[in-house]
């Protein structure tokens, strides 16, 4: 049973990474310098910049913001469920 939750957590992690890269691409097209070497350190700053830029453009956060936040929260929830169930 916990194997299902491990797979779901990994899918959510993959979606979170994809959202991170799409956010970096979005910001890069708008002139923000992206440090791809240290993107893991700066991703939360880039996400907040993405949110600010999309709020200025449309008045609400862009869909990638919600994809990023939701995918990482779900990955955490599924990982906690796996830990409670006792691993794989």
C-alpha atoms as a PDB file:
ATOM      1  CA  UNK A   1       0.000   0.000   0.000  1.00  0.00           C
ATOM      2  CA  UNK A   2       2.779   2.422   0.809  1.00  0.00           C
ATOM      3  CA  UNK A   3       4.300   1.832  -2.646  1.00  0.00           C
ATOM      4  CA  UNK A   4       1.365   3.722  -4.137  1.00  0.00           C
ATOM      5  CA  UNK A   5       2.077   6.698  -1.899  1.00  0.00           C
ATOM      6  CA  UNK A   6       5.789   6.583  -2.763  1.00  0.00           C
ATOM      7  CA  UNK A   7       4.929   6.715  -6.455  1.00  0.00           C
ATOM      8  CA  UNK A   8       2.475   9.563  -5.867  1.00  0.00           C
ATOM      9  CA  UNK A   9       5.112  11.484  -3.898  1.00  0.00           C
ATOM     10  CA  UNK A  10       7.645  11.021  -6.709  1.00  0.00           C
ATOM     11  CA  UNK A  11       5.112  12.203  -9.292  1.00  0.00           C
ATOM     12  CA  UNK A  12       4.475  15.307  -7.185  1.00  0.00           C
ATOM     13  CA  UNK A  13       8.215  15.939  -6.882  1.00  0.00           C
ATOM     14  CA  UNK A  14       8.560  15.678 -10.676  1.00  0.00           C
ATOM     15  CA  UNK A  15       5.700  18.169 -11.118  1.00  0.00           C
ATOM     16  CA  UNK A  16       7.349  20.521  -8.621  1.00  0.00           C
ATOM     17  CA  UNK A  17      10.648  20.360 -10.491  1.00  0.00           C
ATOM     18  CA  UNK A  18       8.866  20.963 -13.795  1.00  0.00           C
ATOM     19  CA  UNK A  19       7.052  23.966 -12.312  1.00  0.00           C
ATOM     20  CA  UNK A  20      10.377  25.302 -11.000  1.00  0.00           C
ATOM     21  CA  UNK A  21      11.953  25.119 -14.433  1.00  0.00           C
ATOM     22  CA  UNK A  22       8.921  26.719 -16.097  1.00  0.00           C
ATOM     23  CA  UNK A  23       8.989  29.549 -13.541  1.00  0.00           C
ATOM     24  CA  UNK A  24      12.690  30.087 -14.225  1.00  0.00           C
ATOM     25  CA  UNK A  25      12.003  30.160 -17.964  1.00  0.00           C
ATOM     26  CA  UNK A  26       9.118  32.610 -17.488  1.00  0.00           C
ATOM     27  CA  UNK A  27      11.288  34.962 -15.443  1.00  0.00           C
ATOM     28  CA  UNK A  28      14.207  34.650 -17.847  1.00  0.00           C
ATOM     29  CA  UNK A  29      11.981  35.769 -20.733  1.00  0.00           C
ATOM     30  CA  UNK A  30      11.084  38.841 -18.705  1.00  0.00           C
ATOM     31  CA  UNK A  31      14.688  39.855 -18.134  1.00  0.00           C
ATOM     32  CA  UNK A  32      15.383  38.354 -14.707  1.00  0.00           C
ATOM     33  CA  UNK A  33      18.843  36.812 -14.501  1.00  0.00           C
ATOM     34  CA  UNK A  34      18.526  33.177 -13.427  1.00  0.00           C
ATOM     35  CA  UNK A  35      21.463  31.441 -11.759  1.00  0.00           C
ATOM     36  CA  UNK A  36      20.968  27.886 -13.014  1.00  0.00           C
ATOM     37  CA  UNK A  37      23.994  26.631 -11.086  1.00  0.00           C
ATOM     38  CA  UNK A  38      22.391  27.514  -7.745  1.00  0.00           C
ATOM     39  CA  UNK A  39      18.721  27.265  -8.733  1.00  0.00           C
ATOM     40  CA  UNK A  40      18.056  24.899  -5.832  1.00  0.00           C
ATOM     41  CA  UNK A  41      19.125  27.616  -3.412  1.00  0.00           C
ATOM     42  CA  UNK A  42      17.271  30.464  -5.081  1.00  0.00           C
ATOM     43  CA  UNK A  43      14.058  28.767  -6.264  1.00  0.00           C
ATOM     44  CA  UNK A  44      11.903  30.167  -3.465  1.00  0.00           C
ATOM     45  CA  UNK A  45      13.083  33.661  -4.361  1.00  0.00           C
ATOM     46  CA  UNK A  46      12.272  33.005  -8.007  1.00  0.00           C
ATOM     47  CA  UNK A  47       8.814  31.713  -7.061  1.00  0.00           C
ATOM     48  CA  UNK A  48       8.101  34.878  -5.079  1.00  0.00           C
ATOM     49  CA  UNK A  49       9.374  36.979  -8.008  1.00  0.00           C
ATOM     50  CA  UNK A  50       7.108  35.007 -10.358  1.00  0.00           C
ATOM     51  CA  UNK A  51       4.162  35.637  -8.058  1.00  0.00           C
ATOM     52  CA  UNK A  52       4.947  39.356  -7.877  1.00  0.00           C
ATOM     53  CA  UNK A  53       5.386  39.684 -11.663  1.00  0.00           C
ATOM     54  CA  UNK A  54       2.155  37.841 -12.458  1.00  0.00           C
ATOM     55  CA  UNK A  55       0.287  39.848  -9.814  1.00  0.00           C
ATOM     56  CA  UNK A  56       1.448  43.051 -11.505  1.00  0.00           C
ATOM     57  CA  UNK A  57       0.487  41.770 -14.964  1.00  0.00           C
ATOM     58  CA  UNK A  58      -2.891  40.176 -14.291  1.00  0.00           C
ATOM     59  CA  UNK A  59      -3.846  40.948 -10.711  1.00  0.00           C
ATOM     60  CA  UNK A  60      -3.531  37.358  -9.505  1.00  0.00           C
ATOM     61  CA  UNK A  61      -0.731  34.806  -9.135  1.00  0.00           C
ATOM     62  CA  UNK A  62       0.000  32.754 -12.221  1.00  0.00           C
ATOM     63  CA  UNK A  63      -0.902  29.075 -12.558  1.00  0.00           C
ATOM     64  CA  UNK A  64       2.708  27.934 -12.138  1.00  0.00           C
ATOM     65  CA  UNK A  65       2.719  29.386  -8.627  1.00  0.00           C
ATOM     66  CA  UNK A  66      -0.192  27.174  -7.639  1.00  0.00           C
ATOM     67  CA  UNK A  67       1.332  24.186  -9.428  1.00  0.00           C
ATOM     68  CA  UNK A  68       4.600  24.660  -7.542  1.00  0.00           C
ATOM     69  CA  UNK A  69       3.031  25.080  -4.111  1.00  0.00           C
ATOM     70  CA  UNK A  70       0.452  22.314  -4.518  1.00  0.00           C
ATOM     71  CA  UNK A  71       2.893  19.750  -5.872  1.00  0.00           C
ATOM     72  CA  UNK A  72       5.393  20.229  -3.039  1.00  0.00           C
ATOM     73  CA  UNK A  73       2.707  20.177  -0.355  1.00  0.00           C
ATOM     74  CA  UNK A  74       1.244  16.975  -1.788  1.00  0.00           C
ATOM     75  CA  UNK A  75       4.700  15.401  -2.015  1.00  0.00           C
ATOM     76  CA  UNK A  76       5.224  16.195   1.661  1.00  0.00           C
ATOM     77  CA  UNK A  77       1.817  14.773   2.614  1.00  0.00           C
ATOM     78  CA  UNK A  78       2.447  11.552   0.699  1.00  0.00           C
ATOM     79  CA  UNK A  79       5.917  11.211   2.246  1.00  0.00           C
ATOM     80  CA  UNK A  80       4.414  11.602   5.727  1.00  0.00           C
ATOM     81  CA  UNK A  81       1.811   8.945   4.890  1.00  0.00           C
ATOM     82  CA  UNK A  82       4.599   6.595   3.796  1.00  0.00           C
ATOM     83  CA  UNK A  83       6.475   7.276   7.039  1.00  0.00           C
ATOM     84  CA  UNK A  84       3.341   6.553   9.072  1.00  0.00           C
ATOM     85  CA  UNK A  85       2.611   3.356   7.164  1.00  0.00           C
ATOM     86  CA  UNK A  86       6.133   2.132   7.769  1.00  0.00           C
ATOM     87  CA  UNK A  87       8.040   2.629   4.528  1.00  0.00           C
ATOM     88  CA  UNK A  88       8.105   0.583   1.348  1.00  0.00           C
END
